[in-house]
Amino acid sequence: MTDRYIFVDASTEAVMNAAKVISSAASSLTFEDISKSLETRYTSGTVKQILIAGLQLGVFIKNNQSYTISPKYGDSIKRANKDQLNTLFREALQNYPPFLLYADFISNGYSPNDSASMVRGIMQINSGQKVVEKVLRLWGISAKLIINEEGKLRIPEAEKGLPATYVKELLKALDSELNAKMFLINILSSEVYSYIDTLGMDITDIAKAIMLYETDPKEALRKATAFFETFLHKFGDDKGIAVQGKTGVNALVNEYFNSSKILKNQQHLGNGLGGARNISMHGIDTDTGKEWNVTPQAALSNILFVPLVIRSFYFYIQKGDQTF
C-alpha cells in the first residue's frame, strides 16, 4: 500500500468553498488564513481534511506551508458563482484516477462496495475500504457524475439545467471527455490504466485527441502519438531498457526490440505509430517538400491504435502474454 492517494471525508461543497477563498486571494494563504476565512462553517480539523482532499484532486497546490489554487482552475473558480462551483468540482473529479476507475467499474455493473474495493487494491490505496467507497460515491453523486436510481448507481450521460452559456459548454465538453476516458480504460484494461497512473501519466491528452479528431485531425494525431512516445520512455525506464537519449517513437520501439523485450510483430506495430508520429510532427516531408494532410479517418484510426499497442507491449513485457 502507498500514500499516493489519501481519502478523507470532505464534502464537495467544503472543498469548493475553500477553493473560492484561495482563488480570491492576491497571494498564497497559510492554513491559519484559510481556517480564519472558513471559521463560520468549519472547524480547523475539518479544514485540514478539506485541504488534503483539494490537494488530492489537484485543485490546490501546496508550496512549503502556503496554498494556492491550481492555474488550471483558478480563473474559472474565481469568476464562478456559488451554484457553478459544483461543475468545476466535476472537472477536477473526472481527472482523478481513482474516481475514473471506480466509475468504470460502476458502469460495468459492479456494486459500489466491490468497485471501491477493487480500486483500493489496484491503485494500492492505504485508506480504509469504507471511507474510499463513501468518498468516491458521494463525490460522484454530488458532482452529478453518478446518479442513484432506487439504490443502484449509474453514470449519467449528461448534466442539464445550469443557465450560464459557458457552463453549458463546459458540461458538454466534460461529458465527451468522461466518455472518452471510460472508452480508453476499457481498451487498456484497469490493470494497464493503473500502471500508467503509477508512471505519473494522465490519459487526458489522448482522451482530448479522440474529441478533437474531426475538427483538427493533425493536432489530435500529434497528441495521441506524443502520449505513446512518453509511455515508451517511462515504461522503458521502469523496465531497465536503455531509452535515455533516444528520441522519436521508432528509435524507442527499436530499442525495445533490440533489448528482446518485444517481438518482431510488435516492433512493426510500434513503428507504424512512429510513422504516424512523424507525419503529425513535421510540417514538410523531406522526400517531397510538401506538407502531410491528415484526414479525420486516419487520425481516429491511429489514436485508437495507441492504447491497443500500449496494452500489447505491457502484457508481453510484464507477463509474456502474446496478445493484440
Protein backbone atom coordinates (compact mmCIF):
# COMPACT_ATOMS: atom_id res chain seq x y z
CA MET A 1 0.00 0.00 0.00
CA THR A 2 1.14 3.57 -0.68
CA ASP A 3 0.24 7.13 0.26
CA ARG A 4 -0.14 8.24 -3.36
CA TYR A 5 -3.90 8.56 -2.79
CA ILE A 6 -5.26 9.58 0.61
CA PHE A 7 -9.01 9.65 1.21
CA VAL A 8 -10.65 11.96 3.74
CA ASP A 9 -14.32 12.61 4.35
CA ALA A 10 -14.56 16.14 2.93
CA SER A 11 -17.68 17.22 1.06
CA THR A 12 -17.75 18.69 -2.43
CA GLU A 13 -19.20 21.93 -1.07
CA ALA A 14 -16.46 22.24 1.55
CA VAL A 15 -13.65 21.68 -0.97
CA MET A 16 -15.08 24.28 -3.35
CA ASN A 17 -15.73 26.81 -0.57
CA ALA A 18 -12.04 26.59 0.29
CA ALA A 19 -11.19 26.82 -3.42
CA LYS A 20 -13.21 30.02 -3.68
CA VAL A 21 -11.29 31.51 -0.76
CA ILE A 22 -7.87 30.51 -2.08
CA SER A 23 -8.59 31.62 -5.67
CA SER A 24 -9.84 35.01 -4.46
CA ALA A 25 -6.66 35.82 -2.54
CA ALA A 26 -4.00 38.08 -4.06
CA SER A 27 -1.23 35.81 -2.76
CA SER A 28 -0.81 32.35 -1.25
CA LEU A 29 -2.60 31.58 2.03
CA THR A 30 -1.43 29.68 5.08
CA PHE A 31 -3.52 27.08 6.87
CA GLU A 32 -4.32 29.69 9.52
CA ASP A 33 -5.51 32.16 6.85
CA ILE A 34 -7.83 29.58 5.29
CA SER A 35 -9.15 28.42 8.68
CA LYS A 36 -9.95 32.01 9.59
CA SER A 37 -11.80 32.51 6.29
CA LEU A 38 -13.90 29.39 6.87
CA GLU A 39 -14.33 29.57 10.67
CA THR A 40 -18.08 30.28 10.48
CA ARG A 41 -18.64 26.95 8.71
CA TYR A 42 -15.83 24.51 9.53
CA THR A 43 -13.59 23.56 12.44
CA SER A 44 -9.82 23.63 11.97
CA GLY A 45 -9.84 19.81 11.91
CA THR A 46 -12.32 19.85 9.03
CA VAL A 47 -10.25 22.44 7.18
CA LYS A 48 -7.27 20.08 7.37
CA GLN A 49 -9.35 17.37 5.70
CA ILE A 50 -10.62 19.83 3.09
CA LEU A 51 -7.06 20.82 2.17
CA ILE A 52 -5.96 17.18 1.88
CA ALA A 53 -8.91 16.49 -0.43
CA GLY A 54 -8.23 19.56 -2.56
CA LEU A 55 -4.57 18.64 -2.94
CA GLN A 56 -5.50 15.08 -3.93
CA LEU A 57 -7.87 16.39 -6.60
CA GLY A 58 -5.31 18.84 -7.94
CA VAL A 59 -7.46 21.87 -7.13
CA PHE A 60 -4.95 23.28 -4.62
CA ILE A 61 -1.17 23.48 -4.75
CA LYS A 62 0.96 23.47 -1.61
CA ASN A 63 4.29 25.28 -1.58
CA ASN A 64 6.08 25.00 1.77
CA GLN A 65 3.34 25.96 4.24
CA SER A 66 1.18 28.01 1.87
CA TYR A 67 -1.64 27.13 -0.52
CA THR A 68 -2.54 28.48 -3.94
CA ILE A 69 -5.16 27.47 -6.48
CA SER A 70 -4.15 25.34 -9.45
CA PRO A 71 -3.71 27.52 -12.57
CA LYS A 72 -5.98 25.07 -14.37
CA TYR A 73 -8.96 26.07 -12.21
CA GLY A 74 -8.05 29.46 -10.74
CA ASP A 75 -9.78 31.88 -13.13
CA SER A 76 -12.88 29.72 -13.53
CA ILE A 77 -13.35 29.30 -9.77
CA LYS A 78 -12.73 32.99 -9.14
CA ARG A 79 -15.48 34.11 -11.53
CA ALA A 80 -17.97 31.30 -10.82
CA ASN A 81 -20.98 31.89 -8.63
CA LYS A 82 -21.81 29.51 -5.80
CA ASP A 83 -24.10 27.32 -7.89
CA GLN A 84 -21.49 26.89 -10.61
CA LEU A 85 -18.70 25.69 -8.31
CA ASN A 86 -20.08 22.16 -8.39
CA THR A 87 -19.47 21.95 -12.13
CA LEU A 88 -15.84 22.90 -11.63
CA PHE A 89 -15.52 20.24 -8.92
CA ARG A 90 -16.79 17.79 -11.51
CA GLU A 91 -13.95 18.78 -13.85
CA ALA A 92 -11.39 18.04 -11.13
CA LEU A 93 -13.08 14.78 -10.12
CA GLN A 94 -13.10 13.30 -13.60
CA ASN A 95 -9.36 13.94 -13.79
CA TYR A 96 -8.85 11.94 -10.56
CA PRO A 97 -7.65 8.40 -11.46
CA PRO A 98 -9.28 6.54 -8.52
CA PHE A 99 -12.65 8.04 -9.42
CA LEU A 100 -12.26 7.20 -13.11
CA LEU A 101 -11.54 3.57 -12.26
CA TYR A 102 -14.42 3.48 -9.75
CA ALA A 103 -16.78 4.96 -12.37
CA ASP A 104 -15.60 2.41 -14.92
CA PHE A 105 -16.44 -0.48 -12.57
CA ILE A 106 -19.83 1.08 -11.70
CA SER A 107 -20.62 1.49 -15.39
CA ASN A 108 -19.86 -2.22 -15.86
CA GLY A 109 -22.40 -3.29 -13.25
CA TYR A 110 -20.29 -3.73 -10.10
CA SER A 111 -21.66 -2.65 -6.73
CA PRO A 112 -20.24 0.47 -5.03
CA ASN A 113 -18.53 -1.67 -2.38
CA ASP A 114 -16.98 -4.05 -4.89
CA SER A 115 -15.93 -1.14 -7.13
CA ALA A 116 -14.24 0.70 -4.26
CA SER A 117 -12.57 -2.48 -3.04
CA MET A 118 -11.11 -3.18 -6.48
CA VAL A 119 -9.93 0.42 -6.86
CA ARG A 120 -8.32 0.27 -3.41
CA GLY A 121 -6.34 -2.84 -4.32
CA ILE A 122 -5.46 -1.97 -7.91
CA MET A 123 -4.26 1.54 -7.06
CA GLN A 124 -2.61 0.44 -3.80
CA ILE A 125 -4.60 2.84 -1.61
CA ASN A 126 -3.88 2.74 2.10
CA SER A 127 -7.13 4.41 3.22
CA GLY A 128 -9.85 2.09 4.56
CA GLN A 129 -12.35 0.50 2.19
CA LYS A 130 -15.38 2.15 3.81
CA VAL A 131 -14.02 5.67 3.51
CA VAL A 132 -12.82 5.05 -0.05
CA GLU A 133 -16.29 3.84 -1.07
CA LYS A 134 -18.10 6.65 0.75
CA VAL A 135 -15.92 9.43 -0.64
CA LEU A 136 -15.98 8.21 -4.25
CA ARG A 137 -19.74 7.59 -4.15
CA LEU A 138 -20.67 10.89 -2.50
CA TRP A 139 -18.27 12.95 -4.58
CA GLY A 140 -19.61 11.33 -7.74
CA ILE A 141 -23.24 11.88 -6.79
CA SER A 142 -22.60 15.43 -5.61
CA ALA A 143 -20.81 16.27 -8.88
CA LYS A 144 -23.69 14.61 -10.81
CA LEU A 145 -21.29 12.22 -12.48
CA ILE A 146 -23.12 9.38 -10.73
CA ILE A 147 -26.83 9.17 -10.07
CA ASN A 148 -28.64 6.91 -7.60
CA GLU A 149 -31.73 5.26 -9.06
CA GLU A 150 -33.59 3.21 -6.47
CA GLY A 151 -30.39 2.27 -4.72
CA LYS A 152 -28.48 1.42 -7.89
CA LEU A 153 -25.70 3.71 -9.07
CA ARG A 154 -25.16 4.57 -12.72
CA ILE A 155 -23.18 7.11 -14.75
CA PRO A 156 -25.42 9.73 -16.42
CA GLU A 157 -24.66 10.75 -19.98
CA ALA A 158 -25.17 14.45 -19.48
CA GLU A 159 -25.98 17.16 -16.98
CA LYS A 160 -28.54 19.86 -17.75
CA GLY A 161 -30.14 22.89 -16.19
CA LEU A 162 -27.39 25.40 -15.41
CA PRO A 163 -28.12 28.76 -17.05
CA ALA A 164 -24.73 30.25 -17.96
CA THR A 165 -23.63 29.62 -21.56
CA TYR A 166 -20.00 29.00 -20.69
CA VAL A 167 -21.03 26.45 -18.05
CA LYS A 168 -23.23 24.63 -20.56
CA GLU A 169 -20.34 24.46 -22.99
CA LEU A 170 -18.04 23.20 -20.24
CA LEU A 171 -20.55 20.49 -19.30
CA LYS A 172 -20.83 19.39 -22.91
CA ALA A 173 -17.06 19.10 -23.18
CA LEU A 174 -16.80 17.28 -19.85
CA ASP A 175 -19.43 14.74 -20.90
CA SER A 176 -17.44 13.96 -24.03
CA GLU A 177 -14.15 13.79 -22.13
CA LEU A 178 -15.53 11.42 -19.49
CA ASN A 179 -16.95 9.12 -22.15
CA ALA A 180 -13.60 9.15 -23.97
CA LYS A 181 -11.75 8.26 -20.76
CA MET A 182 -14.13 5.40 -19.95
CA PHE A 183 -13.63 4.12 -23.51
CA LEU A 184 -9.84 4.29 -23.18
CA ILE A 185 -9.81 2.50 -19.82
CA ASN A 186 -11.87 -0.30 -21.35
CA ILE A 187 -9.35 -0.67 -24.18
CA LEU A 188 -6.32 -0.50 -21.89
CA SER A 189 -7.83 -2.62 -19.07
CA SER A 190 -7.94 -1.47 -15.46
CA GLU A 191 -4.54 -3.06 -14.80
CA VAL A 192 -2.77 -1.15 -17.56
CA TYR A 193 -4.56 2.08 -16.69
CA SER A 194 -3.48 1.73 -13.07
CA TYR A 195 0.11 1.08 -14.15
CA ILE A 196 0.10 4.14 -16.42
CA ASP A 197 -1.02 6.19 -13.43
CA THR A 198 1.95 4.91 -11.39
CA LEU A 199 4.20 6.25 -14.15
CA GLY A 200 2.74 9.69 -13.48
CA MET A 201 0.92 9.80 -16.82
CA ASP A 202 -2.54 11.30 -17.39
CA ILE A 203 -4.85 9.98 -20.12
CA THR A 204 -6.50 13.39 -20.54
CA ASP A 205 -4.42 14.28 -23.62
CA ILE A 206 -5.31 11.13 -25.50
CA ALA A 207 -8.97 11.49 -24.44
CA LYS A 208 -8.93 15.01 -25.87
CA ALA A 209 -7.35 13.66 -29.04
CA ILE A 210 -10.44 11.48 -29.53
CA MET A 211 -12.63 14.56 -29.07
CA LEU A 212 -10.52 16.61 -31.50
CA TYR A 213 -10.03 14.18 -34.38
CA GLU A 214 -12.77 15.66 -36.60
CA THR A 215 -12.02 19.36 -36.13
CA ASP A 216 -8.20 19.20 -36.03
CA PRO A 217 -7.07 15.71 -37.06
CA LYS A 218 -3.36 16.52 -37.31
CA GLU A 219 -3.23 18.00 -33.80
CA ALA A 220 -5.29 15.09 -32.47
CA LEU A 221 -2.81 12.66 -34.00
CA ARG A 222 0.09 14.63 -32.52
CA LYS A 223 -1.42 14.44 -29.01
CA ALA A 224 -2.04 10.70 -29.19
CA THR A 225 1.37 9.77 -30.60
CA ALA A 226 3.08 12.11 -28.10
CA PHE A 227 1.34 10.12 -25.35
CA PHE A 228 2.70 6.90 -26.87
CA GLU A 229 6.23 8.32 -27.04
CA THR A 230 6.07 9.41 -23.40
CA PHE A 231 4.82 5.95 -22.42
CA LEU A 232 7.72 4.29 -24.23
CA HIS A 233 10.21 6.47 -22.36
CA LYS A 234 8.67 5.90 -18.93
CA PHE A 235 7.83 2.23 -19.35
CA GLY A 236 11.26 1.53 -20.80
CA ASP A 237 12.99 3.34 -17.97
CA ASP A 238 10.93 1.39 -15.44
CA LYS A 239 11.90 -1.91 -17.09
CA GLY A 240 15.59 -1.16 -17.42
CA ILE A 241 15.59 -0.60 -21.19
CA ALA A 242 18.26 1.84 -22.40
CA VAL A 243 15.85 4.56 -23.53
CA GLN A 244 17.86 7.51 -22.20
CA GLY A 245 18.92 9.76 -25.06
CA LYS A 246 16.61 8.05 -27.55
CA THR A 247 14.34 10.44 -29.44
CA GLY A 248 11.35 9.51 -31.56
CA VAL A 249 8.93 6.62 -31.43
CA ASN A 250 10.85 4.46 -33.93
CA ALA A 251 14.14 4.74 -32.05
CA LEU A 252 12.41 3.81 -28.79
CA VAL A 253 10.48 0.89 -30.28
CA ASN A 254 13.63 -0.44 -31.93
CA GLU A 255 15.47 -0.29 -28.60
CA TYR A 256 12.66 -2.35 -27.02
CA PHE A 257 13.11 -4.92 -29.79
CA ASN A 258 16.93 -4.89 -29.66
CA SER A 259 16.67 -5.47 -25.90
CA SER A 260 14.50 -8.56 -26.60
CA LYS A 261 11.56 -7.02 -24.72
CA ILE A 262 9.06 -7.18 -27.59
CA LEU A 263 8.50 -9.43 -30.60
CA LYS A 264 9.15 -8.59 -34.25
CA ASN A 265 5.46 -8.12 -34.98
CA GLN A 266 5.17 -5.75 -32.03
CA GLN A 267 8.12 -3.79 -33.41
CA HIS A 268 6.19 -3.43 -36.68
CA LEU A 269 3.12 -2.23 -34.79
CA GLY A 270 5.13 0.34 -32.86
CA ASN A 271 6.97 1.56 -35.95
CA GLY A 272 3.62 2.11 -37.63
CA LEU A 273 2.82 4.60 -34.89
CA GLY A 274 6.30 6.03 -35.37
CA GLY A 275 5.37 6.89 -38.95
CA ALA A 276 2.13 8.46 -37.77
CA ARG A 277 4.09 10.45 -35.18
CA ASN A 278 6.42 11.82 -37.86
CA ILE A 279 3.51 12.77 -40.12
CA SER A 280 1.83 14.67 -37.27
CA MET A 281 5.00 16.44 -36.15
CA HIS A 282 6.76 17.53 -39.32
CA GLY A 283 5.43 20.31 -41.49
CA ILE A 284 7.29 19.45 -44.69
CA ASP A 285 8.12 15.93 -45.87
CA THR A 286 11.83 15.69 -46.72
CA ASP A 287 11.16 13.45 -49.75
CA THR A 288 8.50 15.57 -51.46
CA GLY A 289 8.92 19.03 -49.97
CA LYS A 290 5.18 19.04 -49.28
CA GLU A 291 3.19 19.01 -46.04
CA TRP A 292 1.21 15.93 -45.00
CA ASN A 293 -2.56 16.26 -44.88
CA VAL A 294 -4.11 14.13 -42.12
CA THR A 295 -7.71 13.00 -42.61
CA PRO A 296 -10.08 12.54 -39.65
CA GLN A 297 -10.33 8.83 -40.50
CA ALA A 298 -6.57 8.37 -40.35
CA ALA A 299 -6.33 10.38 -37.14
CA LEU A 300 -9.02 8.35 -35.37
CA SER A 301 -7.62 5.00 -36.53
CA ASN A 302 -4.16 5.81 -35.21
CA ILE A 303 -5.44 7.39 -31.99
CA LEU A 304 -7.30 4.18 -31.13
CA PHE A 305 -4.24 2.15 -32.15
CA VAL A 306 -2.18 3.81 -29.38
CA PRO A 307 -3.91 2.17 -26.36
CA LEU A 308 -4.03 -1.17 -28.19
CA VAL A 309 -0.25 -1.17 -28.76
CA ILE A 310 0.41 0.05 -25.21
CA ARG A 311 -1.68 -2.82 -23.87
CA SER A 312 0.14 -5.33 -26.10
CA PHE A 313 3.59 -4.10 -25.02
CA TYR A 314 2.60 -4.08 -21.35
CA PHE A 315 1.17 -7.57 -21.16
CA TYR A 316 4.01 -9.13 -23.15
CA ILE A 317 6.76 -7.47 -21.13
CA GLN A 318 5.04 -7.94 -17.77
CA LYS A 319 3.57 -11.41 -18.22
CA GLY A 320 4.73 -12.89 -21.50
CA ASP A 321 1.13 -12.63 -22.71
CA GLN A 322 1.22 -12.50 -26.52
CA THR A 323 -1.99 -10.55 -27.12
CA PHE A 324 -3.10 -7.88 -29.56
